[in-house]
């Protein structure tokens, strides 16, 4: 780990020492609910791991160092680790124990491009245009590993039968790493899958997400001097703009739950050169996967029409496709009960001052007061939210539930610099430990509750239908290992 060259910032709340020596000397000893000293040791150790991944901020399918760090922790704890699963170099599966039930915990660790931010309560990119953990996956990965190791220690000490499995899942942000793992059959023998996600509140509410299909549409034309010989050119950028215009007209004629968004990733290099190549990257979302497929085909036809109208060629590459999340109340109630045992997050005075500055930076207010980070939301079932996740595919093949904890200041939006900032401090670490303890307690309870697992499977079968057969929305394409390059 490289030492920071920046002077200490008084606006940054205190966090654990990140040097290798301190990390080694604070290795965890004990299980969730143990003595305060053991809790602090575990928090420092796993906080150090999370902050190292925060500093690396590796984007999808490029998480080489982050993946190796997490695998090293699991191997040192006695897990057997299989690397490079499902044709993804940064994916892995770590297992401990034998027999059933088999309970899987999901771990993510990819960052988002273009949202670099220091751990301070004002906008301050570390690297202009660089990546940052604006969705908190550095905490997700480290917290899930902490939970898996705690469960392993419980299995070892009690002699209880069962298998704990940690799934290292890369490229959640648009790369659909879990889909390839599901497609490869890596969840076929799993009885229950658990996950969590950083957030601005503590909640084990269950709900749906949006199914999602994405593609990069590539237009090819003919270059020419834009002033001297414009008649010889055919602008690929015109193709992109014509497509975007037609898709924007579609918005009046799609189900109201639909979300369609795009970015132009390549549009030319100079105004006086007719661009012979342009690319636009689209997401198409809806709560229902079959509806997403129909909407995506309409978007693709708009691209074909745009190419015809502008005299250009067009092809597209599907980047990912995700199912909606299947809620599971039977599992969610167990997770909720354990979250209430653990409790929420408590700020120090310095952290509260930091949080107030973060809230002051929100456009339109926070919507949630300071102090709510210590509370637990009421349990319930939510309709489809505004986001998508490749956990959705997992939830269609095995009963799945998760939780969110207050790793960010109340009111913080994911994919924001404010999320990166809080995630790089002890605020993020505290929320991560709440999640790790809750996951561990829930897993241990499920090992001893075959009736709950049976009820979870019954619920899944009822929700998806007895005749359901999984087919990946992204087809048979290989993982897009270069989609962030």
Protein backbone atom coordinates (compact mmCIF):
# COMPACT_ATOMS: atom_id res chain seq x y z
CA UNK A 1 0.00 0.00 0.00
CA UNK A 2 1.33 3.41 -0.91
CA UNK A 3 1.49 6.02 1.83
CA UNK A 4 -0.62 9.12 1.34
CA UNK A 5 1.32 12.26 0.47
CA UNK A 6 -1.50 14.56 1.57
CA UNK A 7 -1.38 16.35 4.89
CA UNK A 8 -4.04 15.31 7.44
CA UNK A 9 -7.32 17.07 6.72
CA UNK A 10 -9.24 18.29 9.79
CA UNK A 11 -12.53 17.94 7.85
CA UNK A 12 -11.97 14.21 7.40
CA UNK A 13 -13.38 12.10 10.27
CA UNK A 14 -10.85 9.80 11.89
CA UNK A 15 -10.50 6.28 10.49
CA UNK A 16 -8.40 3.19 11.15
CA UNK A 17 -4.70 3.12 10.38
CA UNK A 18 -4.22 1.63 6.91
CA UNK A 19 -0.61 0.46 7.11
CA UNK A 20 0.15 -3.25 6.64
CA UNK A 21 1.69 -3.59 10.10
CA UNK A 22 -1.43 -2.32 11.85
CA UNK A 23 -3.65 -4.50 9.66
CA UNK A 24 -1.66 -7.58 10.63
CA UNK A 25 -1.75 -6.71 14.32
CA UNK A 26 -5.53 -6.25 14.33
CA UNK A 27 -6.56 -9.58 12.82
CA UNK A 28 -10.03 -10.55 14.11
CA UNK A 29 -10.43 -12.96 17.00
CA UNK A 30 -13.97 -13.93 17.78
CA UNK A 31 -17.43 -13.91 16.37
CA UNK A 32 -20.24 -11.38 15.90
CA UNK A 33 -21.50 -10.24 19.28
CA UNK A 34 -18.16 -10.85 20.99
CA UNK A 35 -16.28 -8.53 23.31
CA UNK A 36 -15.78 -4.87 22.42
CA UNK A 37 -12.05 -5.43 22.01
CA UNK A 38 -12.63 -8.19 19.47
CA UNK A 39 -15.20 -6.06 17.66
CA UNK A 40 -12.79 -3.16 17.42
CA UNK A 41 -10.01 -5.44 16.18
CA UNK A 42 -12.29 -6.87 13.50
CA UNK A 43 -13.55 -3.42 12.52
CA UNK A 44 -10.01 -2.10 12.13
CA UNK A 45 -8.87 -5.13 10.17
CA UNK A 46 -11.75 -5.30 7.71
CA UNK A 47 -11.94 -1.52 7.57
CA UNK A 48 -8.33 -1.51 6.42
CA UNK A 49 -9.14 -4.02 3.69
CA UNK A 50 -12.13 -1.99 2.52
CA UNK A 51 -10.16 1.24 2.46
CA UNK A 52 -7.39 -0.36 0.42
CA UNK A 53 -9.95 -1.42 -2.19
CA UNK A 54 -11.42 2.12 -2.00
CA UNK A 55 -8.02 3.55 -2.85
CA UNK A 56 -7.45 1.16 -5.75
CA UNK A 57 -10.94 1.87 -7.24
CA UNK A 58 -10.71 -0.77 -9.96
CA UNK A 59 -13.54 -0.84 -12.51
CA UNK A 60 -15.39 -3.89 -13.80
CA UNK A 61 -13.31 -6.90 -14.87
CA UNK A 62 -10.15 -4.97 -13.98
CA UNK A 63 -10.35 -5.65 -10.22
CA UNK A 64 -7.13 -7.70 -10.16
CA UNK A 65 -5.70 -6.34 -6.91
CA UNK A 66 -9.05 -6.15 -5.12
CA UNK A 67 -9.89 -9.74 -6.03
CA UNK A 68 -6.47 -11.00 -4.93
CA UNK A 69 -6.72 -9.18 -1.60
CA UNK A 70 -10.08 -10.74 -0.76
CA UNK A 71 -9.00 -14.20 -1.92
CA UNK A 72 -5.89 -13.93 0.24
CA UNK A 73 -8.01 -13.20 3.33
CA UNK A 74 -10.20 -16.22 2.68
CA UNK A 75 -7.31 -18.56 1.93
CA UNK A 76 -5.56 -17.46 5.13
CA UNK A 77 -8.76 -18.25 7.06
CA UNK A 78 -8.86 -21.80 5.70
CA UNK A 79 -11.20 -21.53 2.71
CA UNK A 80 -10.53 -23.39 -0.51
CA UNK A 81 -10.60 -20.86 -3.35
CA UNK A 82 -11.27 -21.45 -7.04
CA UNK A 83 -10.16 -18.50 -9.18
CA UNK A 84 -11.17 -17.35 -12.64
CA UNK A 85 -14.56 -19.06 -12.60
CA UNK A 86 -17.08 -18.66 -15.45
CA UNK A 87 -14.33 -17.32 -17.75
CA UNK A 88 -13.83 -14.19 -15.62
CA UNK A 89 -10.26 -13.71 -14.34
CA UNK A 90 -11.33 -11.62 -11.32
CA UNK A 91 -14.20 -13.90 -10.26
CA UNK A 92 -13.78 -16.58 -7.61
CA UNK A 93 -15.63 -18.98 -5.33
CA UNK A 94 -14.35 -19.67 -1.80
CA UNK A 95 -15.77 -22.61 0.19
CA UNK A 96 -15.49 -24.05 3.67
CA UNK A 97 -17.29 -26.99 5.26
CA UNK A 98 -19.05 -30.05 3.89
CA UNK A 99 -22.54 -31.24 3.19
CA UNK A 100 -25.69 -29.21 3.33
CA UNK A 101 -27.16 -26.79 3.61
CA UNK A 102 -25.01 -24.74 1.24
CA UNK A 103 -25.34 -21.02 1.94
CA UNK A 104 -23.75 -18.51 -0.37
CA UNK A 105 -22.78 -14.93 0.44
CA UNK A 106 -22.21 -12.55 -2.48
CA UNK A 107 -19.31 -10.09 -2.60
CA UNK A 108 -18.76 -7.22 -5.06
CA UNK A 109 -15.69 -5.02 -5.46
CA UNK A 110 -15.85 -3.00 -8.70
CA UNK A 111 -15.77 0.80 -8.83
CA UNK A 112 -17.52 3.27 -11.15
CA UNK A 113 -15.69 5.28 -13.83
CA UNK A 114 -15.50 9.08 -13.73
CA UNK A 115 -16.48 9.66 -10.09
CA UNK A 116 -13.16 9.98 -8.27
CA UNK A 117 -13.46 11.71 -4.90
CA UNK A 118 -11.37 12.20 -1.77
CA UNK A 119 -12.78 11.31 1.66
CA UNK A 120 -13.74 14.94 2.41
CA UNK A 121 -17.19 16.62 2.57
CA UNK A 122 -16.61 18.90 -0.45
CA UNK A 123 -16.24 17.98 -4.12
CA UNK A 124 -12.57 17.07 -4.48
CA UNK A 125 -11.58 14.49 -7.11
CA UNK A 126 -8.36 12.62 -6.39
CA UNK A 127 -7.88 11.99 -10.13
CA UNK A 128 -9.88 14.07 -12.60
CA UNK A 129 -11.97 11.59 -14.58
CA UNK A 130 -10.76 8.70 -12.42
CA UNK A 131 -12.82 5.92 -10.91
CA UNK A 132 -14.35 5.87 -7.45
CA UNK A 133 -16.41 3.58 -5.23
CA UNK A 134 -19.62 5.55 -5.65
CA UNK A 135 -21.70 2.43 -4.98
CA UNK A 136 -19.65 1.27 -2.01
CA UNK A 137 -18.56 -2.09 -3.41
CA UNK A 138 -15.26 -1.87 -1.51
CA UNK A 139 -17.38 -2.17 1.64
CA UNK A 140 -19.60 -4.81 0.04
CA UNK A 141 -16.63 -7.08 -0.71
CA UNK A 142 -14.83 -6.66 2.61
CA UNK A 143 -18.01 -6.92 4.69
CA UNK A 144 -19.13 -10.11 2.98
CA UNK A 145 -15.71 -11.68 3.46
CA UNK A 146 -15.83 -10.73 7.16
CA UNK A 147 -19.22 -12.43 7.50
CA UNK A 148 -18.10 -15.58 5.69
CA UNK A 149 -15.02 -15.93 7.90
CA UNK A 150 -17.10 -15.45 11.06
CA UNK A 151 -19.47 -18.20 9.90
CA UNK A 152 -16.50 -20.45 9.11
CA UNK A 153 -15.25 -19.99 12.68
CA UNK A 154 -18.69 -20.94 14.01
CA UNK A 155 -18.82 -24.08 11.85
CA UNK A 156 -15.33 -25.01 13.00
CA UNK A 157 -16.02 -24.47 16.69
CA UNK A 158 -19.45 -26.14 16.78
CA UNK A 159 -18.81 -28.95 14.33
CA UNK A 160 -22.13 -28.16 12.66
CA UNK A 161 -22.62 -29.67 9.21
CA UNK A 162 -22.95 -27.36 6.26
CA UNK A 163 -21.01 -25.37 3.67
CA UNK A 164 -20.39 -21.63 3.63
CA UNK A 165 -19.51 -20.27 0.21
CA UNK A 166 -18.32 -16.77 -0.68
CA UNK A 167 -18.91 -15.71 -4.28
CA UNK A 168 -16.47 -13.08 -5.52
CA UNK A 169 -18.53 -11.40 -8.24
CA UNK A 170 -16.85 -8.82 -10.50
CA UNK A 171 -18.30 -6.09 -12.70
CA UNK A 172 -21.74 -5.62 -11.13
CA UNK A 173 -21.81 -2.11 -12.59
CA UNK A 174 -22.88 -2.95 -16.13
CA UNK A 175 -20.76 -6.06 -16.62
CA UNK A 176 -23.22 -8.62 -15.18
CA UNK A 177 -20.60 -10.84 -13.55
CA UNK A 178 -23.17 -12.83 -11.57
CA UNK A 179 -25.13 -13.67 -14.72
CA UNK A 180 -22.19 -15.62 -16.12
CA UNK A 181 -21.81 -17.44 -12.80
CA UNK A 182 -25.50 -18.38 -12.81
CA UNK A 183 -25.29 -19.41 -16.48
CA UNK A 184 -22.26 -21.61 -15.65
CA UNK A 185 -24.28 -23.45 -12.97
CA UNK A 186 -22.25 -22.20 -10.01
CA UNK A 187 -25.41 -21.74 -7.92
CA UNK A 188 -27.05 -25.05 -8.82
CA UNK A 189 -26.33 -26.70 -5.44
CA UNK A 190 -26.91 -23.60 -3.28
CA UNK A 191 -29.79 -23.63 -0.79
CA UNK A 192 -29.83 -19.91 0.04
CA UNK A 193 -27.97 -16.84 -1.26
CA UNK A 194 -27.46 -13.72 0.87
CA UNK A 195 -26.18 -10.28 -0.06
CA UNK A 196 -26.10 -6.73 1.18
CA UNK A 197 -25.49 -3.27 -0.24
CA UNK A 198 -24.09 -0.01 1.10
CA UNK A 199 -26.69 2.71 1.45
CA UNK A 200 -28.03 5.63 3.47
CA UNK A 201 -30.34 3.65 5.76
CA UNK A 202 -30.56 0.34 7.62
CA UNK A 203 -33.18 -1.94 6.14
CA UNK A 204 -33.87 -5.59 5.36
CA UNK A 205 -37.05 -4.79 3.41
CA UNK A 206 -37.52 -7.07 0.42
CA UNK A 207 -38.50 -5.87 -3.01
CA UNK A 208 -38.01 -6.00 -6.73
CA UNK A 209 -35.51 -4.29 -8.98
CA UNK A 210 -35.65 -3.36 -12.67
CA UNK A 211 -34.71 -5.87 -15.32
CA UNK A 212 -32.14 -4.33 -17.64
CA UNK A 213 -30.59 -4.95 -21.05
CA UNK A 214 -27.76 -2.84 -22.47
CA UNK A 215 -25.83 -2.57 -25.70
CA UNK A 216 -23.26 -0.46 -27.48
CA UNK A 217 -24.58 0.69 -30.88
CA UNK A 218 -21.76 1.39 -33.36
CA UNK A 219 -22.26 3.43 -36.50
CA UNK A 220 -19.78 3.55 -39.38
CA UNK A 221 -19.75 6.16 -42.13
CA UNK A 222 -17.25 7.86 -44.44
CA UNK A 223 -14.83 10.57 -43.41
CA UNK A 224 -14.34 13.70 -45.49
CA UNK A 225 -13.41 17.36 -45.11
CA UNK A 226 -16.48 18.84 -43.47
CA UNK A 227 -16.18 22.13 -45.39
CA UNK A 228 -14.22 21.20 -48.54
CA UNK A 229 -16.03 17.99 -49.52
CA UNK A 230 -19.06 17.43 -47.26
CA UNK A 231 -20.92 15.57 -50.05
CA UNK A 232 -18.33 12.80 -49.83
CA UNK A 233 -18.92 12.18 -46.16
CA UNK A 234 -21.48 10.15 -44.29
CA UNK A 235 -21.44 11.05 -40.61
CA UNK A 236 -21.52 8.21 -38.11
CA UNK A 237 -22.39 10.83 -35.51
CA UNK A 238 -25.50 11.70 -37.53
CA UNK A 239 -26.47 8.05 -37.16
CA UNK A 240 -26.11 8.23 -33.39
CA UNK A 241 -28.02 11.49 -33.14
CA UNK A 242 -30.82 10.22 -35.38
CA UNK A 243 -31.11 7.09 -33.24
CA UNK A 244 -31.19 9.11 -30.04
CA UNK A 245 -33.90 11.37 -31.45
CA UNK A 246 -36.11 8.42 -32.40
CA UNK A 247 -35.62 6.70 -29.05
CA UNK A 248 -36.51 9.93 -27.28
CA UNK A 249 -39.75 10.03 -29.30
CA UNK A 250 -40.42 6.48 -28.05
CA UNK A 251 -40.61 7.71 -24.47
CA UNK A 252 -44.21 8.84 -25.03
CA UNK A 253 -45.19 5.33 -26.10
CA UNK A 254 -43.66 2.98 -23.54
CA UNK A 255 -44.98 1.71 -20.18
CA UNK A 256 -44.53 4.40 -17.54
CA UNK A 257 -42.18 2.21 -15.43
CA UNK A 258 -39.68 2.14 -18.31
CA UNK A 259 -36.27 3.74 -17.95
CA UNK A 260 -34.07 4.33 -21.01
CA UNK A 261 -30.75 6.16 -20.81
CA UNK A 262 -27.63 6.53 -22.93
CA UNK A 263 -24.23 8.12 -23.26
CA UNK A 264 -22.33 8.89 -26.46
CA UNK A 265 -19.00 7.17 -25.91
CA UNK A 266 -17.46 8.21 -29.24
CA UNK A 267 -18.59 11.03 -31.49
CA UNK A 268 -15.59 12.09 -33.53
CA UNK A 269 -12.43 14.06 -32.88
CA UNK A 270 -12.62 17.35 -34.81
CA UNK A 271 -15.53 19.42 -36.18
CA UNK A 272 -13.88 19.74 -39.62
CA UNK A 273 -13.63 15.96 -40.06
CA UNK A 274 -16.82 14.06 -40.82
CA UNK A 275 -16.64 11.25 -38.24
CA UNK A 276 -16.55 7.78 -39.76
CA UNK A 277 -17.20 6.07 -36.42
CA UNK A 278 -19.50 6.85 -33.50
CA UNK A 279 -20.85 4.82 -30.62
CA UNK A 280 -23.71 5.20 -28.17
CA UNK A 281 -24.20 3.04 -25.05
CA UNK A 282 -27.83 2.30 -24.04
CA UNK A 283 -29.59 0.85 -20.98
CA UNK A 284 -33.23 -0.29 -21.27
CA UNK A 285 -35.03 -1.06 -17.98
CA UNK A 286 -38.45 -2.21 -16.78
CA UNK A 287 -39.69 -4.28 -13.80
CA UNK A 288 -40.61 -7.16 -16.13
CA UNK A 289 -37.87 -9.00 -18.07
CA UNK A 290 -40.03 -9.97 -21.11
CA UNK A 291 -41.09 -6.32 -21.44
CA UNK A 292 -37.43 -5.27 -21.40
CA UNK A 293 -36.72 -7.61 -24.30
CA UNK A 294 -39.59 -6.15 -26.34
CA UNK A 295 -38.50 -2.57 -25.60
CA UNK A 296 -34.91 -3.39 -26.46
CA UNK A 297 -35.97 -4.68 -29.88
CA UNK A 298 -37.74 -1.37 -30.54
CA UNK A 299 -34.55 0.50 -29.65
CA UNK A 300 -32.57 -1.75 -31.98
CA UNK A 301 -35.02 -1.08 -34.83
CA UNK A 302 -34.65 2.65 -34.23
CA UNK A 303 -30.89 2.19 -34.65
CA UNK A 304 -31.44 0.34 -37.92
CA UNK A 305 -33.70 3.10 -39.18
CA UNK A 306 -31.17 5.75 -38.17
CA UNK A 307 -28.47 3.97 -40.14
CA UNK A 308 -30.68 3.75 -43.24
CA UNK A 309 -31.64 7.41 -43.01
CA UNK A 310 -28.06 8.65 -42.64
CA UNK A 311 -26.40 6.33 -45.14
CA UNK A 312 -24.29 4.66 -42.48
CA UNK A 313 -23.74 1.12 -41.28
CA UNK A 314 -24.65 -0.08 -37.81
CA UNK A 315 -24.01 -3.07 -35.60
CA UNK A 316 -24.53 -3.49 -31.89
CA UNK A 317 -23.01 -5.53 -29.10
CA UNK A 318 -25.15 -6.62 -26.16
CA UNK A 319 -23.13 -5.81 -23.03
CA UNK A 320 -25.38 -7.17 -20.33
CA UNK A 321 -28.86 -8.38 -19.50
CA UNK A 322 -30.29 -8.71 -15.99
CA UNK A 323 -33.45 -10.17 -14.53
CA UNK A 324 -35.51 -8.31 -11.95
CA UNK A 325 -35.01 -9.25 -8.30
CA UNK A 326 -37.37 -11.86 -6.83
CA UNK A 327 -38.29 -10.91 -3.22
CA UNK A 328 -38.31 -13.62 -0.56
CA UNK A 329 -40.26 -12.74 2.59
CA UNK A 330 -39.37 -15.95 4.45
CA UNK A 331 -35.67 -15.10 4.29
CA UNK A 332 -36.18 -11.36 4.64
CA UNK A 333 -37.89 -11.73 7.99
CA UNK A 334 -34.90 -13.64 9.37
CA UNK A 335 -32.52 -10.99 8.06
CA UNK A 336 -34.67 -8.22 9.53
CA UNK A 337 -34.75 -9.82 12.98
CA UNK A 338 -30.96 -10.13 13.03
CA UNK A 339 -30.46 -6.58 11.80
CA UNK A 340 -32.52 -5.40 14.79
CA UNK A 341 -30.30 -7.41 17.13
CA UNK A 342 -27.20 -5.70 15.72
CA UNK A 343 -28.63 -2.18 15.60
CA UNK A 344 -27.72 0.84 13.52
CA UNK A 345 -24.75 3.20 13.23
CA UNK A 346 -23.66 5.76 15.78
CA UNK A 347 -21.67 8.85 14.78
CA UNK A 348 -18.98 10.57 16.79
CA UNK A 349 -19.12 14.36 17.01
CA UNK A 350 -16.52 14.64 14.21
CA UNK A 351 -18.53 12.28 12.02
CA UNK A 352 -21.72 14.21 12.70
CA UNK A 353 -20.03 17.45 11.61
CA UNK A 354 -18.75 15.69 8.47
CA UNK A 355 -22.25 14.34 7.79
CA UNK A 356 -23.81 17.79 8.17
CA UNK A 357 -21.42 19.20 5.56
CA UNK A 358 -22.32 16.35 3.23
CA UNK A 359 -26.03 17.02 3.69
CA UNK A 360 -25.48 20.72 3.04
CA UNK A 361 -24.11 19.78 -0.40
CA UNK A 362 -27.28 17.97 -1.52
CA UNK A 363 -29.40 19.56 -4.23
CA UNK A 364 -33.02 19.72 -3.04
CA UNK A 365 -32.32 18.67 0.54
CA UNK A 366 -31.53 15.32 2.10
CA UNK A 367 -35.00 13.93 2.68
CA UNK A 368 -33.68 12.10 5.75
CA UNK A 369 -32.52 13.64 9.03
CA UNK A 370 -29.22 13.03 10.74
CA UNK A 371 -29.81 10.46 13.44
CA UNK A 372 -31.73 8.12 11.13
CA UNK A 373 -28.48 6.22 10.57
CA UNK A 374 -29.06 4.72 14.04
CA UNK A 375 -32.58 3.51 13.19
CA UNK A 376 -33.86 0.34 11.51
CA UNK A 377 -36.54 0.70 8.83
CA UNK A 378 -39.81 -1.18 9.22
CA UNK A 379 -39.89 -4.51 7.43
CA UNK A 380 -42.06 -4.79 4.34
CA UNK A 381 -42.26 -5.56 0.65
CA UNK A 382 -41.36 -2.77 -1.78
CA UNK A 383 -42.36 -2.46 -5.46
CA UNK A 384 -39.66 -2.27 -8.10
CA UNK A 385 -37.19 0.51 -7.38
CA UNK A 386 -35.18 2.60 -9.79
CA UNK A 387 -32.08 0.42 -9.98
CA UNK A 388 -30.94 -2.89 -11.43
CA UNK A 389 -28.59 -5.57 -10.15
CA UNK A 390 -27.21 -8.86 -11.38
CA UNK A 391 -28.29 -10.30 -8.02
CA UNK A 392 -31.62 -10.51 -9.84
CA UNK A 393 -30.44 -13.50 -11.87
CA UNK A 394 -29.26 -15.26 -8.71
CA UNK A 395 -32.67 -14.70 -7.10
CA UNK A 396 -34.45 -16.54 -9.94
CA UNK A 397 -32.46 -19.76 -9.38
CA UNK A 398 -32.02 -19.82 -5.57
CA UNK A 399 -33.93 -18.14 -2.70
CA UNK A 400 -32.17 -14.84 -2.08
CA UNK A 401 -32.43 -11.92 0.29
CA UNK A 402 -30.29 -8.97 1.34
CA UNK A 403 -30.07 -5.84 3.40
CA UNK A 404 -28.82 -2.28 3.20
CA UNK A 405 -26.90 -0.48 5.94
CA UNK A 406 -26.05 3.17 6.57
CA UNK A 407 -22.55 3.36 5.14
CA UNK A 408 -23.36 6.81 3.72
CA UNK A 409 -24.79 9.98 5.23
CA UNK A 410 -28.62 9.88 5.40
CA UNK A 411 -30.13 11.09 2.14
CA UNK A 412 -27.07 10.27 0.02
CA UNK A 413 -27.70 9.00 -3.49
CA UNK A 414 -25.71 6.09 -4.84
CA UNK A 415 -23.34 6.92 -7.71
CA UNK A 416 -22.52 10.32 -6.21
CA UNK A 417 -19.31 11.89 -4.95
CA UNK A 418 -20.92 12.12 -1.51
CA UNK A 419 -21.18 8.31 -1.45
CA UNK A 420 -17.49 7.97 -2.36
CA UNK A 421 -16.50 10.46 0.35
CA UNK A 422 -18.38 8.80 3.22
CA UNK A 423 -17.36 5.35 2.04
CA UNK A 424 -13.74 6.34 2.45
CA UNK A 425 -14.16 7.12 6.18
CA UNK A 426 -15.10 5.32 9.38
CA UNK A 427 -18.73 6.15 8.59
CA UNK A 428 -18.55 3.58 5.80
CA UNK A 429 -16.68 1.09 7.94
CA UNK A 430 -19.25 1.25 10.75
CA UNK A 431 -22.09 0.50 8.36
CA UNK A 432 -20.09 -2.33 6.82
CA UNK A 433 -19.63 -3.99 10.22
CA UNK A 434 -23.39 -3.78 10.86
CA UNK A 435 -23.91 -5.63 7.57
CA UNK A 436 -21.20 -8.22 8.29
CA UNK A 437 -22.65 -9.06 11.70
CA UNK A 438 -26.17 -9.28 10.32
CA UNK A 439 -25.11 -11.55 7.46
CA UNK A 440 -23.17 -13.81 9.81
CA UNK A 441 -26.00 -14.10 12.33
CA UNK A 442 -28.52 -14.77 9.57
CA UNK A 443 -26.34 -17.45 7.98
CA UNK A 444 -25.79 -19.19 11.33
CA UNK A 445 -29.53 -19.13 12.02
CA UNK A 446 -30.32 -20.59 8.61
CA UNK A 447 -27.85 -23.43 9.13
CA UNK A 448 -30.07 -24.40 12.06
CA UNK A 449 -33.44 -23.71 10.40
CA UNK A 450 -34.27 -26.23 7.66
CA UNK A 451 -37.93 -25.22 7.91
CA UNK A 452 -37.10 -21.62 6.93
CA UNK A 453 -35.06 -22.81 3.94
CA UNK A 454 -37.93 -25.05 2.85
CA UNK A 455 -40.37 -22.13 3.15
CA UNK A 456 -38.02 -19.93 1.12
CA UNK A 457 -37.93 -22.47 -1.71
CA UNK A 458 -41.70 -22.80 -1.64
CA UNK A 459 -42.04 -19.02 -1.93
CA UNK A 460 -39.56 -18.82 -4.81
CA UNK A 461 -41.37 -21.57 -6.72
CA UNK A 462 -44.68 -19.79 -6.26
CA UNK A 463 -43.33 -16.41 -7.41
CA UNK A 464 -41.45 -17.62 -10.50
CA UNK A 465 -43.81 -20.47 -11.49
CA UNK A 466 -43.22 -24.19 -11.31
CA UNK A 467 -42.24 -24.40 -15.01
CA UNK A 468 -39.62 -21.65 -14.92
CA UNK A 469 -36.39 -22.39 -16.81
CA UNK A 470 -33.53 -19.93 -16.56
CA UNK A 471 -32.21 -18.40 -19.79
CA UNK A 472 -29.77 -15.51 -19.58
CA UNK A 473 -31.08 -12.29 -21.13
CA UNK A 474 -27.63 -11.62 -22.58
CA UNK A 475 -27.66 -14.85 -24.56
CA UNK A 476 -24.54 -16.94 -25.02
CA UNK A 477 -22.03 -14.11 -25.35
CA UNK A 478 -18.79 -14.41 -23.32
CA UNK A 479 -18.10 -11.99 -20.47
CA UNK A 480 -17.30 -8.51 -21.90
CA UNK A 481 -13.93 -8.27 -20.20
CA UNK A 482 -13.03 -5.06 -22.07
CA UNK A 483 -16.31 -3.15 -21.64
CA UNK A 484 -14.66 -0.55 -19.35
CA UNK A 485 -11.54 -0.09 -21.48
